[in-house]
């Protein structure tokens, strides 16, 4: 007996971009708000190096002495 060729074609077929988008949307609908925020791309808050105004620091050190 040989395997059915129709069933192997369906298993090996690549999904179309539209199918991928629909499937991804269904998965995202099940996410909690926290998971959605964690997985969001592009809107992440970046850590910024703290800036110190040295002129104010110099003045405070000078006046404190």
C-alpha atoms as a PDB file:
ATOM      1  CA  UNK A   1       0.000   0.000   0.000  1.00  0.00           C
ATOM      2  CA  UNK A   2       1.222   3.497  -0.786  1.00  0.00           C
ATOM      3  CA  UNK A   3       0.572   6.624   1.245  1.00  0.00           C
ATOM      4  CA  UNK A   4      -2.055   9.042   0.019  1.00  0.00           C
ATOM      5  CA  UNK A   5      -0.346  11.807  -1.955  1.00  0.00           C
ATOM      6  CA  UNK A   6      -3.081  14.323  -1.184  1.00  0.00           C
ATOM      7  CA  UNK A   7      -2.496  14.194   2.570  1.00  0.00           C
ATOM      8  CA  UNK A   8       1.280  14.712   2.247  1.00  0.00           C
ATOM      9  CA  UNK A   9       0.785  17.772   0.035  1.00  0.00           C
ATOM     10  CA  UNK A  10      -1.352  19.423   2.709  1.00  0.00           C
ATOM     11  CA  UNK A  11       1.207  18.732   5.431  1.00  0.00           C
ATOM     12  CA  UNK A  12       4.155  20.101   3.454  1.00  0.00           C
ATOM     13  CA  UNK A  13       2.445  23.270   2.222  1.00  0.00           C
ATOM     14  CA  UNK A  14       3.875  26.569   3.483  1.00  0.00           C
ATOM     15  CA  UNK A  15       1.307  28.970   4.982  1.00  0.00           C
ATOM     16  CA  UNK A  16       0.598  32.167   3.077  1.00  0.00           C
ATOM     17  CA  UNK A  17       1.411  35.538   4.679  1.00  0.00           C
ATOM     18  CA  UNK A  18      -2.329  36.120   5.143  1.00  0.00           C
ATOM     19  CA  UNK A  19      -2.717  32.801   6.968  1.00  0.00           C
ATOM     20  CA  UNK A  20       0.212  33.662   9.217  1.00  0.00           C
ATOM     21  CA  UNK A  21      -1.287  37.086  10.027  1.00  0.00           C
ATOM     22  CA  UNK A  22      -4.685  35.589  10.871  1.00  0.00           C
ATOM     23  CA  UNK A  23      -3.160  32.895  13.077  1.00  0.00           C
ATOM     24  CA  UNK A  24      -0.936  35.436  14.862  1.00  0.00           C
ATOM     25  CA  UNK A  25      -3.960  37.689  15.481  1.00  0.00           C
ATOM     26  CA  UNK A  26      -5.883  34.775  17.029  1.00  0.00           C
ATOM     27  CA  UNK A  27      -2.931  34.012  19.308  1.00  0.00           C
ATOM     28  CA  UNK A  28      -2.544  37.674  20.339  1.00  0.00           C
ATOM     29  CA  UNK A  29      -6.242  37.863  21.295  1.00  0.00           C
ATOM     30  CA  UNK A  30      -5.571  35.308  24.041  1.00  0.00           C
ATOM     31  CA  UNK A  31      -2.724  37.350  25.571  1.00  0.00           C
ATOM     32  CA  UNK A  32      -3.231  39.137  28.859  1.00  0.00           C
ATOM     33  CA  UNK A  33      -2.597  42.882  28.974  1.00  0.00           C
ATOM     34  CA  UNK A  34       0.738  42.286  30.703  1.00  0.00           C
ATOM     35  CA  UNK A  35       1.864  39.773  28.083  1.00  0.00           C
ATOM     36  CA  UNK A  36       0.853  42.163  25.309  1.00  0.00           C
ATOM     37  CA  UNK A  37       2.903  44.972  26.834  1.00  0.00           C
ATOM     38  CA  UNK A  38       5.891  42.685  27.334  1.00  0.00           C
ATOM     39  CA  UNK A  39       5.811  41.454  23.730  1.00  0.00           C
ATOM     40  CA  UNK A  40       5.169  44.835  22.136  1.00  0.00           C
ATOM     41  CA  UNK A  41       7.915  45.862  19.741  1.00  0.00           C
ATOM     42  CA  UNK A  42       8.982  49.436  19.178  1.00  0.00           C
ATOM     43  CA  UNK A  43       7.354  51.133  22.166  1.00  0.00           C
ATOM     44  CA  UNK A  44       9.785  50.027  24.796  1.00  0.00           C
ATOM     45  CA  UNK A  45      10.911  52.552  27.362  1.00  0.00           C
ATOM     46  CA  UNK A  46      14.624  52.967  27.044  1.00  0.00           C
ATOM     47  CA  UNK A  47      16.903  53.556  29.961  1.00  0.00           C
ATOM     48  CA  UNK A  48      18.559  56.948  29.660  1.00  0.00           C
ATOM     49  CA  UNK A  49      21.824  57.826  31.344  1.00  0.00           C
ATOM     50  CA  UNK A  50      21.163  60.379  34.098  1.00  0.00           C
ATOM     51  CA  UNK A  51      22.512  63.839  33.321  1.00  0.00           C
ATOM     52  CA  UNK A  52      23.970  66.050  36.025  1.00  0.00           C
ATOM     53  CA  UNK A  53      24.434  69.747  35.503  1.00  0.00           C
ATOM     54  CA  UNK A  54      28.016  70.257  36.701  1.00  0.00           C
ATOM     55  CA  UNK A  55      27.641  74.017  37.029  1.00  0.00           C
ATOM     56  CA  UNK A  56      25.039  73.526  39.753  1.00  0.00           C
ATOM     57  CA  UNK A  57      27.206  70.913  41.456  1.00  0.00           C
ATOM     58  CA  UNK A  58      30.264  73.193  41.357  1.00  0.00           C
ATOM     59  CA  UNK A  59      28.225  76.043  42.823  1.00  0.00           C
ATOM     60  CA  UNK A  60      26.885  73.859  45.634  1.00  0.00           C
ATOM     61  CA  UNK A  61      30.368  72.585  46.490  1.00  0.00           C
ATOM     62  CA  UNK A  62      31.862  76.051  46.346  1.00  0.00           C
ATOM     63  CA  UNK A  63      29.145  77.603  48.522  1.00  0.00           C
ATOM     64  CA  UNK A  64      29.218  74.748  51.045  1.00  0.00           C
ATOM     65  CA  UNK A  65      32.874  75.345  51.933  1.00  0.00           C
END
